[in-house]
Amino acid sequence: MHVILNFAHPLTDEQIAQLDALLGEPQTHLILTFPVHFEAMKAVDKEVSTTPQGWHASFLVNPPSHSVIAVLVMEALSKRVGYRPPMLRLARDEESLPPKFKIVEILPKQERT
């Protein structure tokens, strides 16, 4: 099971299916969605501590689009888990109206150096 820390719009069923395809098989996901602001990590700490695995879970992060907050969130997460968790990369589906975003890649985790 993956714990998805979502700092963006709620993931759609279509995006969850795209994620499962990238992971290679359907999975159970615990999706925790957080409002984006400079104090976001307080809410993350509270929510993650209530999950069965806590900070030892397998995380995927859908980072916020605000770059400054994204950097702060990823740095704070990497300090808590000891590595930079894998991130979802979304891209606009150019053929959809109204605009939709699809999950196109999972950026791999990186160990802290």
PDB file of N, CA and C in Angstrom:
ATOM      1  N   MET A   1       0.835  -1.177   0.000  1.00  0.00           N
ATOM      2  CA  MET A   1       0.000   0.000   0.000  1.00  0.00           C
ATOM      3  C   MET A   1       0.882   1.242   0.000  1.00  0.00           C
ATOM      4  N   HIS A   2       0.502   2.212  -0.790  1.00  0.00           N
ATOM      5  CA  HIS A   2       1.197   3.490  -0.822  1.00  0.00           C
ATOM      6  C   HIS A   2       0.372   4.534  -0.088  1.00  0.00           C
ATOM      7  N   VAL A   3       1.053   5.407   0.618  1.00  0.00           N
ATOM      8  CA  VAL A   3       0.415   6.579   1.195  1.00  0.00           C
ATOM      9  C   VAL A   3       0.752   7.730   0.258  1.00  0.00           C
ATOM     10  N   ILE A   4      -0.274   8.314  -0.337  1.00  0.00           N
ATOM     11  CA  ILE A   4      -0.072   9.427  -1.262  1.00  0.00           C
ATOM     12  C   ILE A   4      -0.308  10.720  -0.493  1.00  0.00           C
ATOM     13  N   LEU A   5       0.725  11.531  -0.408  1.00  0.00           N
ATOM     14  CA  LEU A   5       0.625  12.845   0.214  1.00  0.00           C
ATOM     15  C   LEU A   5       0.315  13.828  -0.903  1.00  0.00           C
ATOM     16  N   ASN A   6      -0.915  14.284  -0.959  1.00  0.00           N
ATOM     17  CA  ASN A   6      -1.389  15.102  -2.067  1.00  0.00           C
ATOM     18  C   ASN A   6      -1.491  16.563  -1.632  1.00  0.00           C
ATOM     19  N   PHE A   7      -0.711  17.411  -2.287  1.00  0.00           N
ATOM     20  CA  PHE A   7      -0.712  18.845  -2.006  1.00  0.00           C
ATOM     21  C   PHE A   7      -1.304  19.627  -3.172  1.00  0.00           C
ATOM     22  N   ALA A   8      -2.066  18.960  -4.016  1.00  0.00           N
ATOM     23  CA  ALA A   8      -2.640  19.589  -5.203  1.00  0.00           C
ATOM     24  C   ALA A   8      -4.137  19.271  -5.244  1.00  0.00           C
ATOM     25  N   HIS A   9      -4.736  19.446  -6.418  1.00  0.00           N
ATOM     26  CA  HIS A   9      -6.149  19.107  -6.571  1.00  0.00           C
ATOM     27  C   HIS A   9      -6.353  17.632  -6.249  1.00  0.00           C
ATOM     28  N   PRO A  10      -7.536  17.264  -5.771  1.00  0.00           N
ATOM     29  CA  PRO A  10      -7.797  15.840  -5.505  1.00  0.00           C
ATOM     30  C   PRO A  10      -7.558  14.996  -6.754  1.00  0.00           C
ATOM     31  N   LEU A  11      -6.959  13.825  -6.565  1.00  0.00           N
ATOM     32  CA  LEU A  11      -6.702  12.931  -7.693  1.00  0.00           C
ATOM     33  C   LEU A  11      -8.015  12.300  -8.148  1.00  0.00           C
ATOM     34  N   THR A  12      -8.190  12.227  -9.461  1.00  0.00           N
ATOM     35  CA  THR A  12      -9.398  11.639 -10.036  1.00  0.00           C
ATOM     36  C   THR A  12      -9.228  10.128 -10.153  1.00  0.00           C
ATOM     37  N   ASP A  13     -10.336   9.426 -10.401  1.00  0.00           N
ATOM     38  CA  ASP A  13     -10.262   7.978 -10.625  1.00  0.00           C
ATOM     39  C   ASP A  13      -9.382   7.671 -11.832  1.00  0.00           C
ATOM     40  N   GLU A  14      -9.455   8.512 -12.847  1.00  0.00           N
ATOM     41  CA  GLU A  14      -8.626   8.316 -14.045  1.00  0.00           C
ATOM     42  C   GLU A  14      -7.141   8.443 -13.702  1.00  0.00           C
ATOM     43  N   GLN A  15      -6.794   9.410 -12.866  1.00  0.00           N
ATOM     44  CA  GLN A  15      -5.396   9.579 -12.463  1.00  0.00           C
ATOM     45  C   GLN A  15      -4.927   8.418 -11.591  1.00  0.00           C
ATOM     46  N   ILE A  16      -5.801   7.886 -10.742  1.00  0.00           N
ATOM     47  CA  ILE A  16      -5.440   6.718  -9.935  1.00  0.00           C
ATOM     48  C   ILE A  16      -5.174   5.525 -10.843  1.00  0.00           C
ATOM     49  N   ALA A  17      -5.980   5.366 -11.896  1.00  0.00           N
ATOM     50  CA  ALA A  17      -5.755   4.278 -12.864  1.00  0.00           C
ATOM     51  C   ALA A  17      -4.420   4.472 -13.574  1.00  0.00           C
ATOM     52  N   GLN A  18      -4.073   5.721 -13.921  1.00  0.00           N
ATOM     53  CA  GLN A  18      -2.776   5.997 -14.559  1.00  0.00           C
ATOM     54  C   GLN A  18      -1.637   5.663 -13.598  1.00  0.00           C
ATOM     55  N   LEU A  19      -1.808   6.002 -12.340  1.00  0.00           N
ATOM     56  CA  LEU A  19      -0.799   5.689 -11.331  1.00  0.00           C
ATOM     57  C   LEU A  19      -0.604   4.186 -11.205  1.00  0.00           C
ATOM     58  N   ASP A  20      -1.701   3.445 -11.138  1.00  0.00           N
ATOM     59  CA  ASP A  20      -1.609   1.983 -11.048  1.00  0.00           C
ATOM     60  C   ASP A  20      -0.891   1.405 -12.271  1.00  0.00           C
ATOM     61  N   ALA A  21      -1.157   1.966 -13.458  1.00  0.00           N
ATOM     62  CA  ALA A  21      -0.484   1.497 -14.673  1.00  0.00           C
ATOM     63  C   ALA A  21       1.023   1.749 -14.574  1.00  0.00           C
ATOM     64  N   LEU A  22       1.419   2.898 -14.051  1.00  0.00           N
ATOM     65  CA  LEU A  22       2.846   3.200 -13.894  1.00  0.00           C
ATOM     66  C   LEU A  22       3.494   2.299 -12.845  1.00  0.00           C
ATOM     67  N   LEU A  23       2.728   1.935 -11.824  1.00  0.00           N
ATOM     68  CA  LEU A  23       3.257   1.051 -10.781  1.00  0.00           C
ATOM     69  C   LEU A  23       3.258  -0.409 -11.210  1.00  0.00           C
ATOM     70  N   GLY A  24       2.523  -0.723 -12.289  1.00  0.00           N
ATOM     71  CA  GLY A  24       2.539  -2.081 -12.824  1.00  0.00           C
ATOM     72  C   GLY A  24       1.376  -2.944 -12.406  1.00  0.00           C
ATOM     73  N   GLU A  25       0.606  -2.515 -11.428  1.00  0.00           N
ATOM     74  CA  GLU A  25      -0.551  -3.295 -10.998  1.00  0.00           C
ATOM     75  C   GLU A  25      -1.435  -2.426 -10.111  1.00  0.00           C
ATOM     76  N   PRO A  26      -2.732  -2.758 -10.044  1.00  0.00           N
ATOM     77  CA  PRO A  26      -3.610  -2.003  -9.145  1.00  0.00           C
ATOM     78  C   PRO A  26      -3.156  -2.158  -7.697  1.00  0.00           C
ATOM     79  N   GLN A  27      -3.232  -1.098  -6.971  1.00  0.00           N
ATOM     80  CA  GLN A  27      -2.789  -1.106  -5.580  1.00  0.00           C
ATOM     81  C   GLN A  27      -3.835  -0.422  -4.709  1.00  0.00           C
ATOM     82  N   THR A  28      -3.722  -0.643  -3.425  1.00  0.00           N
ATOM     83  CA  THR A  28      -4.530   0.096  -2.473  1.00  0.00           C
ATOM     84  C   THR A  28      -3.737   1.336  -2.101  1.00  0.00           C
ATOM     85  N   HIS A  29      -4.401   2.473  -2.166  1.00  0.00           N
ATOM     86  CA  HIS A  29      -3.735   3.736  -1.844  1.00  0.00           C
ATOM     87  C   HIS A  29      -4.474   4.419  -0.709  1.00  0.00           C
ATOM     88  N   LEU A  30      -3.733   4.942   0.227  1.00  0.00           N
ATOM     89  CA  LEU A  30      -4.287   5.833   1.231  1.00  0.00           C
ATOM     90  C   LEU A  30      -3.912   7.227   0.770  1.00  0.00           C
ATOM     91  N   ILE A  31      -4.898   8.021   0.404  1.00  0.00           N
ATOM     92  CA  ILE A  31      -4.629   9.361  -0.127  1.00  0.00           C
ATOM     93  C   ILE A  31      -4.943  10.384   0.951  1.00  0.00           C
ATOM     94  N   LEU A  32      -3.920  11.125   1.341  1.00  0.00           N
ATOM     95  CA  LEU A  32      -4.066  12.204   2.311  1.00  0.00           C
ATOM     96  C   LEU A  32      -3.882  13.510   1.560  1.00  0.00           C
ATOM     97  N   THR A  33      -4.914  14.342   1.531  1.00  0.00           N
ATOM     98  CA  THR A  33      -4.859  15.603   0.802  1.00  0.00           C
ATOM     99  C   THR A  33      -4.732  16.741   1.797  1.00  0.00           C
ATOM    100  N   PHE A  34      -3.809  17.659   1.497  1.00  0.00           N
ATOM    101  CA  PHE A  34      -3.518  18.765   2.402  1.00  0.00           C
ATOM    102  C   PHE A  34      -3.659  20.098   1.690  1.00  0.00           C
ATOM    103  N   PRO A  35      -4.158  21.106   2.400  1.00  0.00           N
ATOM    104  CA  PRO A  35      -4.169  22.447   1.815  1.00  0.00           C
ATOM    105  C   PRO A  35      -2.728  22.943   1.698  1.00  0.00           C
ATOM    106  N   VAL A  36      -2.482  23.743   0.689  1.00  0.00           N
ATOM    107  CA  VAL A  36      -1.115  24.213   0.453  1.00  0.00           C
ATOM    108  C   VAL A  36      -0.921  25.580   1.102  1.00  0.00           C
ATOM    109  N   HIS A  37      -0.016  25.611   2.055  1.00  0.00           N
ATOM    110  CA  HIS A  37       0.409  26.850   2.682  1.00  0.00           C
ATOM    111  C   HIS A  37       1.740  26.579   3.371  1.00  0.00           C
ATOM    112  N   PHE A  38       2.350  27.612   3.880  1.00  0.00           N
ATOM    113  CA  PHE A  38       3.690  27.459   4.433  1.00  0.00           C
ATOM    114  C   PHE A  38       3.733  26.610   5.705  1.00  0.00           C
ATOM    115  N   GLU A  39       2.608  26.374   6.329  1.00  0.00           N
ATOM    116  CA  GLU A  39       2.557  25.552   7.540  1.00  0.00           C
ATOM    117  C   GLU A  39       2.006  24.158   7.236  1.00  0.00           C
ATOM    118  N   ALA A  40       2.055  23.720   5.993  1.00  0.00           N
ATOM    119  CA  ALA A  40       1.452  22.449   5.576  1.00  0.00           C
ATOM    120  C   ALA A  40       2.004  21.260   6.349  1.00  0.00           C
ATOM    121  N   MET A  41       3.250  21.290   6.734  1.00  0.00           N
ATOM    122  CA  MET A  41       3.860  20.127   7.367  1.00  0.00           C
ATOM    123  C   MET A  41       3.275  19.824   8.744  1.00  0.00           C
ATOM    124  N   LYS A  42       2.694  20.806   9.411  1.00  0.00           N
ATOM    125  CA  LYS A  42       2.042  20.523  10.697  1.00  0.00           C
ATOM    126  C   LYS A  42       0.886  19.556  10.490  1.00  0.00           C
ATOM    127  N   ALA A  43       0.091  19.798   9.441  1.00  0.00           N
ATOM    128  CA  ALA A  43      -1.033  18.907   9.132  1.00  0.00           C
ATOM    129  C   ALA A  43      -0.527  17.538   8.689  1.00  0.00           C
ATOM    130  N   VAL A  44       0.561  17.507   7.928  1.00  0.00           N
ATOM    131  CA  VAL A  44       1.132  16.235   7.467  1.00  0.00           C
ATOM    132  C   VAL A  44       1.591  15.412   8.665  1.00  0.00           C
ATOM    133  N   ASP A  45       2.306  16.035   9.582  1.00  0.00           N
ATOM    134  CA  ASP A  45       2.776  15.318  10.777  1.00  0.00           C
ATOM    135  C   ASP A  45       1.610  14.690  11.531  1.00  0.00           C
ATOM    136  N   LYS A  46       0.540  15.442  11.694  1.00  0.00           N
ATOM    137  CA  LYS A  46      -0.620  14.951  12.432  1.00  0.00           C
ATOM    138  C   LYS A  46      -1.266  13.771  11.709  1.00  0.00           C
ATOM    139  N   GLU A  47      -1.488  13.883  10.406  1.00  0.00           N
ATOM    140  CA  GLU A  47      -2.169  12.831   9.643  1.00  0.00           C
ATOM    141  C   GLU A  47      -1.310  11.570   9.511  1.00  0.00           C
ATOM    142  N   VAL A  48      -0.024  11.741   9.190  1.00  0.00           N
ATOM    143  CA  VAL A  48       0.838  10.577   8.984  1.00  0.00           C
ATOM    144  C   VAL A  48       0.999   9.794  10.283  1.00  0.00           C
ATOM    145  N   SER A  49       1.028  10.487  11.397  1.00  0.00           N
ATOM    146  CA  SER A  49       1.194   9.783  12.673  1.00  0.00           C
ATOM    147  C   SER A  49      -0.003   8.899  12.996  1.00  0.00           C
ATOM    148  N   THR A  50      -1.151   9.129  12.350  1.00  0.00           N
ATOM    149  CA  THR A  50      -2.331   8.302  12.609  1.00  0.00           C
ATOM    150  C   THR A  50      -2.454   7.126  11.641  1.00  0.00           C
ATOM    151  N   THR A  51      -1.583   7.036  10.626  1.00  0.00           N
ATOM    152  CA  THR A  51      -1.647   5.912   9.690  1.00  0.00           C
ATOM    153  C   THR A  51      -0.988   4.686  10.330  1.00  0.00           C
ATOM    154  N   PRO A  52      -1.371   3.494   9.872  1.00  0.00           N
ATOM    155  CA  PRO A  52      -0.823   2.274  10.497  1.00  0.00           C
ATOM    156  C   PRO A  52       0.708   2.204  10.493  1.00  0.00           C
ATOM    157  N   GLN A  53       1.329   2.668   9.432  1.00  0.00           N
ATOM    158  CA  GLN A  53       2.788   2.553   9.328  1.00  0.00           C
ATOM    159  C   GLN A  53       3.514   3.829   9.723  1.00  0.00           C
ATOM    160  N   GLY A  54       2.794   4.905   9.949  1.00  0.00           N
ATOM    161  CA  GLY A  54       3.434   6.172  10.312  1.00  0.00           C
ATOM    162  C   GLY A  54       4.455   6.598   9.271  1.00  0.00           C
ATOM    163  N   TRP A  55       5.591   7.076   9.741  1.00  0.00           N
ATOM    164  CA  TRP A  55       6.637   7.572   8.830  1.00  0.00           C
ATOM    165  C   TRP A  55       7.397   6.435   8.140  1.00  0.00           C
ATOM    166  N   HIS A  56       7.044   5.179   8.399  1.00  0.00           N
ATOM    167  CA  HIS A  56       7.696   4.046   7.737  1.00  0.00           C
ATOM    168  C   HIS A  56       6.906   3.565   6.526  1.00  0.00           C
ATOM    169  N   ALA A  57       5.861   4.279   6.161  1.00  0.00           N
ATOM    170  CA  ALA A  57       5.017   3.903   5.017  1.00  0.00           C
ATOM    171  C   ALA A  57       5.765   4.110   3.704  1.00  0.00           C
ATOM    172  N   SER A  58       5.226   3.543   2.653  1.00  0.00           N
ATOM    173  CA  SER A  58       5.740   3.767   1.300  1.00  0.00           C
ATOM    174  C   SER A  58       5.007   4.988   0.740  1.00  0.00           C
ATOM    175  N   PHE A  59       5.720   6.103   0.637  1.00  0.00           N
ATOM    176  CA  PHE A  59       5.097   7.365   0.239  1.00  0.00           C
ATOM    177  C   PHE A  59       5.246   7.637  -1.245  1.00  0.00           C
ATOM    178  N   LEU A  60       4.235   8.265  -1.797  1.00  0.00           N
ATOM    179  CA  LEU A  60       4.290   8.924  -3.105  1.00  0.00           C
ATOM    180  C   LEU A  60       3.790  10.338  -2.848  1.00  0.00           C
ATOM    181  N   VAL A  61       4.412  11.323  -3.464  1.00  0.00           N
ATOM    182  CA  VAL A  61       4.038  12.714  -3.203  1.00  0.00           C
ATOM    183  C   VAL A  61       3.557  13.370  -4.484  1.00  0.00           C
ATOM    184  N   ASN A  62       2.391  13.987  -4.406  1.00  0.00           N
ATOM    185  CA  ASN A  62       1.909  14.857  -5.471  1.00  0.00           C
ATOM    186  C   ASN A  62       2.170  16.271  -4.964  1.00  0.00           C
ATOM    187  N   PRO A  63       3.304  16.880  -5.387  1.00  0.00           N
ATOM    188  CA  PRO A  63       3.723  18.145  -4.786  1.00  0.00           C
ATOM    189  C   PRO A  63       2.824  19.309  -5.194  1.00  0.00           C
ATOM    190  N   PRO A  64       2.838  20.372  -4.393  1.00  0.00           N
ATOM    191  CA  PRO A  64       2.078  21.560  -4.760  1.00  0.00           C
ATOM    192  C   PRO A  64       2.697  22.231  -5.988  1.00  0.00           C
ATOM    193  N   SER A  65       1.883  22.981  -6.705  1.00  0.00           N
ATOM    194  CA  SER A  65       2.410  23.654  -7.898  1.00  0.00           C
ATOM    195  C   SER A  65       3.178  24.924  -7.543  1.00  0.00           C
ATOM    196  N   HIS A  66       2.969  25.460  -6.371  1.00  0.00           N
ATOM    197  CA  HIS A  66       3.710  26.642  -5.926  1.00  0.00           C
ATOM    198  C   HIS A  66       5.133  26.196  -5.598  1.00  0.00           C
ATOM    199  N   SER A  67       6.087  26.640  -6.374  1.00  0.00           N
ATOM    200  CA  SER A  67       7.447  26.094  -6.291  1.00  0.00           C
ATOM    201  C   SER A  67       8.116  26.296  -4.936  1.00  0.00           C
ATOM    202  N   VAL A  68       7.924  27.434  -4.314  1.00  0.00           N
ATOM    203  CA  VAL A  68       8.576  27.679  -3.025  1.00  0.00           C
ATOM    204  C   VAL A  68       8.045  26.703  -1.981  1.00  0.00           C
ATOM    205  N   ILE A  69       6.731  26.515  -1.953  1.00  0.00           N
ATOM    206  CA  ILE A  69       6.148  25.596  -0.987  1.00  0.00           C
ATOM    207  C   ILE A  69       6.548  24.155  -1.316  1.00  0.00           C
ATOM    208  N   ALA A  70       6.618  23.827  -2.607  1.00  0.00           N
ATOM    209  CA  ALA A  70       7.028  22.475  -3.008  1.00  0.00           C
ATOM    210  C   ALA A  70       8.421  22.153  -2.478  1.00  0.00           C
ATOM    211  N   VAL A  71       9.344  23.084  -2.598  1.00  0.00           N
ATOM    212  CA  VAL A  71      10.707  22.872  -2.107  1.00  0.00           C
ATOM    213  C   VAL A  71      10.705  22.683  -0.592  1.00  0.00           C
ATOM    214  N   LEU A  72       9.960  23.512   0.125  1.00  0.00           N
ATOM    215  CA  LEU A  72       9.898  23.398   1.579  1.00  0.00           C
ATOM    216  C   LEU A  72       9.279  22.073   2.010  1.00  0.00           C
ATOM    217  N   VAL A  73       8.199  21.671   1.355  1.00  0.00           N
ATOM    218  CA  VAL A  73       7.536  20.410   1.686  1.00  0.00           C
ATOM    219  C   VAL A  73       8.470  19.230   1.438  1.00  0.00           C
ATOM    220  N   MET A  74       9.131  19.199   0.278  1.00  0.00           N
ATOM    221  CA  MET A  74      10.002  18.070  -0.045  1.00  0.00           C
ATOM    222  C   MET A  74      11.204  18.010   0.892  1.00  0.00           C
ATOM    223  N   GLU A  75      11.736  19.150   1.264  1.00  0.00           N
ATOM    224  CA  GLU A  75      12.866  19.161   2.202  1.00  0.00           C
ATOM    225  C   GLU A  75      12.420  18.649   3.575  1.00  0.00           C
ATOM    226  N   ALA A  76      11.266  19.107   4.029  1.00  0.00           N
ATOM    227  CA  ALA A  76      10.756  18.655   5.325  1.00  0.00           C
ATOM    228  C   ALA A  76      10.456  17.155   5.301  1.00  0.00           C
ATOM    229  N   LEU A  77       9.856  16.675   4.223  1.00  0.00           N
ATOM    230  CA  LEU A  77       9.585  15.242   4.117  1.00  0.00           C
ATOM    231  C   LEU A  77      10.875  14.431   4.114  1.00  0.00           C
ATOM    232  N   SER A  78      11.871  14.888   3.358  1.00  0.00           N
ATOM    233  CA  SER A  78      13.126  14.124   3.276  1.00  0.00           C
ATOM    234  C   SER A  78      13.822  14.055   4.630  1.00  0.00           C
ATOM    235  N   LYS A  79      13.689  15.079   5.442  1.00  0.00           N
ATOM    236  CA  LYS A  79      14.273  15.039   6.790  1.00  0.00           C
ATOM    237  C   LYS A  79      13.560  14.014   7.661  1.00  0.00           C
ATOM    238  N   ARG A  80      12.255  13.876   7.478  1.00  0.00           N
ATOM    239  CA  ARG A  80      11.480  12.960   8.310  1.00  0.00           C
ATOM    240  C   ARG A  80      11.682  11.492   7.928  1.00  0.00           C
ATOM    241  N   VAL A  81      11.823  11.214   6.631  1.00  0.00           N
ATOM    242  CA  VAL A  81      11.911   9.816   6.195  1.00  0.00           C
ATOM    243  C   VAL A  81      13.327   9.397   5.800  1.00  0.00           C
ATOM    244  N   GLY A  82      14.250  10.343   5.697  1.00  0.00           N
ATOM    245  CA  GLY A  82      15.642  10.013   5.393  1.00  0.00           C
ATOM    246  C   GLY A  82      15.967   9.919   3.917  1.00  0.00           C
ATOM    247  N   TYR A  83      15.021  10.223   3.051  1.00  0.00           N
ATOM    248  CA  TYR A  83      15.224  10.227   1.603  1.00  0.00           C
ATOM    249  C   TYR A  83      14.177  11.135   0.982  1.00  0.00           C
ATOM    250  N   ARG A  84      14.382  11.522  -0.275  1.00  0.00           N
ATOM    251  CA  ARG A  84      13.354  12.290  -0.967  1.00  0.00           C
ATOM    252  C   ARG A  84      12.353  11.299  -1.547  1.00  0.00           C
ATOM    253  N   PRO A  85      11.103  11.315  -1.072  1.00  0.00           N
ATOM    254  CA  PRO A  85      10.127  10.334  -1.547  1.00  0.00           C
ATOM    255  C   PRO A  85       9.848  10.490  -3.042  1.00  0.00           C
ATOM    256  N   PRO A  86       9.411   9.414  -3.686  1.00  0.00           N
ATOM    257  CA  PRO A  86       9.035   9.503  -5.099  1.00  0.00           C
ATOM    258  C   PRO A  86       7.918  10.532  -5.282  1.00  0.00           C
ATOM    259  N   MET A  87       7.972  11.232  -6.409  1.00  0.00           N
ATOM    260  CA  MET A  87       6.980  12.263  -6.698  1.00  0.00           C
ATOM    261  C   MET A  87       6.235  11.933  -7.983  1.00  0.00           C
ATOM    262  N   LEU A  88       4.971  12.324  -8.017  1.00  0.00           N
ATOM    263  CA  LEU A  88       4.168  12.185  -9.222  1.00  0.00           C
ATOM    264  C   LEU A  88       4.410  13.401 -10.098  1.00  0.00           C
ATOM    265  N   ARG A  89       4.587  13.165 -11.394  1.00  0.00           N
ATOM    266  CA  ARG A  89       4.696  14.279 -12.347  1.00  0.00           C
ATOM    267  C   ARG A  89       3.448  14.260 -13.206  1.00  0.00           C
ATOM    268  N   LEU A  90       2.711  15.338 -13.150  1.00  0.00           N
ATOM    269  CA  LEU A  90       1.506  15.475 -13.947  1.00  0.00           C
ATOM    270  C   LEU A  90       1.777  16.412 -15.111  1.00  0.00           C
ATOM    271  N   ALA A  91       1.085  16.183 -16.203  1.00  0.00           N
ATOM    272  CA  ALA A  91       1.192  17.042 -17.381  1.00  0.00           C
ATOM    273  C   ALA A  91      -0.207  17.251 -17.938  1.00  0.00           C
ATOM    274  N   ARG A  92      -0.393  18.391 -18.564  1.00  0.00           N
ATOM    275  CA  ARG A  92      -1.697  18.697 -19.150  1.00  0.00           C
ATOM    276  C   ARG A  92      -1.968  17.771 -20.323  1.00  0.00           C
ATOM    277  N   ASP A  93      -3.180  17.252 -20.362  1.00  0.00           N
ATOM    278  CA  ASP A  93      -3.634  16.453 -21.503  1.00  0.00           C
ATOM    279  C   ASP A  93      -4.084  17.449 -22.555  1.00  0.00           C
ATOM    280  N   GLU A  94      -3.271  17.615 -23.585  1.00  0.00           N
ATOM    281  CA  GLU A  94      -3.508  18.644 -24.606  1.00  0.00           C
ATOM    282  C   GLU A  94      -4.803  18.427 -25.380  1.00  0.00           C
ATOM    283  N   GLU A  95      -5.328  17.209 -25.359  1.00  0.00           N
ATOM    284  CA  GLU A  95      -6.517  16.913 -26.151  1.00  0.00           C
ATOM    285  C   GLU A  95      -7.807  17.095 -25.372  1.00  0.00           C
ATOM    286  N   SER A  96      -7.748  17.425 -24.108  1.00  0.00           N
ATOM    287  CA  SER A  96      -8.974  17.494 -23.315  1.00  0.00           C
ATOM    288  C   SER A  96      -9.462  18.929 -23.131  1.00  0.00           C
ATOM    289  N   LEU A  97     -10.747  19.069 -23.208  1.00  0.00           N
ATOM    290  CA  LEU A  97     -11.430  20.311 -22.879  1.00  0.00           C
ATOM    291  C   LEU A  97     -12.614  19.951 -22.001  1.00  0.00           C
ATOM    292  N   PRO A  98     -12.764  20.497 -20.852  1.00  0.00           N
ATOM    293  CA  PRO A  98     -11.856  21.434 -20.201  1.00  0.00           C
ATOM    294  C   PRO A  98     -10.520  20.773 -19.886  1.00  0.00           C
ATOM    295  N   PRO A  99      -9.509  21.584 -19.586  1.00  0.00           N
ATOM    296  CA  PRO A  99      -8.170  21.031 -19.345  1.00  0.00           C
ATOM    297  C   PRO A  99      -8.166  19.988 -18.222  1.00  0.00           C
ATOM    298  N   LYS A 100      -7.465  18.898 -18.468  1.00  0.00           N
ATOM    299  CA  LYS A 100      -7.246  17.851 -17.468  1.00  0.00           C
ATOM    300  C   LYS A 100      -5.752  17.609 -17.372  1.00  0.00           C
ATOM    301  N   PHE A 101      -5.363  17.041 -16.261  1.00  0.00           N
ATOM    302  CA  PHE A 101      -3.965  16.672 -16.073  1.00  0.00           C
ATOM    303  C   PHE A 101      -3.886  15.174 -15.866  1.00  0.00           C
ATOM    304  N   LYS A 102      -2.852  14.578 -16.442  1.00  0.00           N
ATOM    305  CA  LYS A 102      -2.654  13.142 -16.306  1.00  0.00           C
ATOM    306  C   LYS A 102      -1.313  12.880 -15.638  1.00  0.00           C
ATOM    307  N   ILE A 103      -1.232  11.747 -14.955  1.00  0.00           N
ATOM    308  CA  ILE A 103       0.028  11.347 -14.331  1.00  0.00           C
ATOM    309  C   ILE A 103       0.875  10.699 -15.408  1.00  0.00           C
ATOM    310  N   VAL A 104       2.030  11.282 -15.685  1.00  0.00           N
ATOM    311  CA  VAL A 104       2.869  10.779 -16.773  1.00  0.00           C
ATOM    312  C   VAL A 104       4.137  10.087 -16.291  1.00  0.00           C
ATOM    313  N   GLU A 105       4.479  10.284 -15.012  1.00  0.00           N
ATOM    314  CA  GLU A 105       5.749   9.717 -14.546  1.00  0.00           C
ATOM    315  C   GLU A 105       5.770   9.707 -13.026  1.00  0.00           C
ATOM    316  N   ILE A 106       6.500   8.749 -12.489  1.00  0.00           N
ATOM    317  CA  ILE A 106       6.817   8.748 -11.061  1.00  0.00           C
ATOM    318  C   ILE A 106       8.319   8.997 -10.965  1.00  0.00           C
ATOM    319  N   LEU A 107       8.681  10.143 -10.422  1.00  0.00           N
ATOM    320  CA  LEU A 107      10.101  10.462 -10.255  1.00  0.00           C
ATOM    321  C   LEU A 107      10.635   9.619  -9.099  1.00  0.00           C
ATOM    322  N   PRO A 108      11.756   8.936  -9.289  1.00  0.00           N
ATOM    323  CA  PRO A 108      12.223   7.984  -8.278  1.00  0.00           C
ATOM    324  C   PRO A 108      12.674   8.661  -6.987  1.00  0.00           C
ATOM    325  N   LYS A 109      12.660   7.859  -5.926  1.00  0.00           N
ATOM    326  CA  LYS A 109      13.150   8.391  -4.650  1.00  0.00           C
ATOM    327  C   LYS A 109      14.650   8.607  -4.758  1.00  0.00           C
ATOM    328  N   GLN A 110      15.143   9.526  -3.968  1.00  0.00           N
ATOM    329  CA  GLN A 110      16.579   9.805  -3.928  1.00  0.00           C
ATOM    330  C   GLN A 110      17.037   9.759  -2.481  1.00  0.00           C
ATOM    331  N   GLU A 111      18.097   9.025  -2.261  1.00  0.00           N
ATOM    332  CA  GLU A 111      18.676   8.960  -0.916  1.00  0.00           C
ATOM    333  C   GLU A 111      19.318  10.293  -0.592  1.00  0.00           C
ATOM    334  N   ARG A 112      19.263  10.660   0.669  1.00  0.00           N
ATOM    335  CA  ARG A 112      19.933  11.892   1.109  1.00  0.00           C
ATOM    336  C   ARG A 112      21.442  11.653   1.110  1.00  0.00           C
ATOM    337  N   THR A 113      22.179  12.665   0.729  1.00  0.00           N
ATOM    338  CA  THR A 113      23.645  12.541   0.735  1.00  0.00           C
ATOM    339  C   THR A 113      24.256  13.411   1.788  1.00  0.00           C
TER     340      THR A 113
END
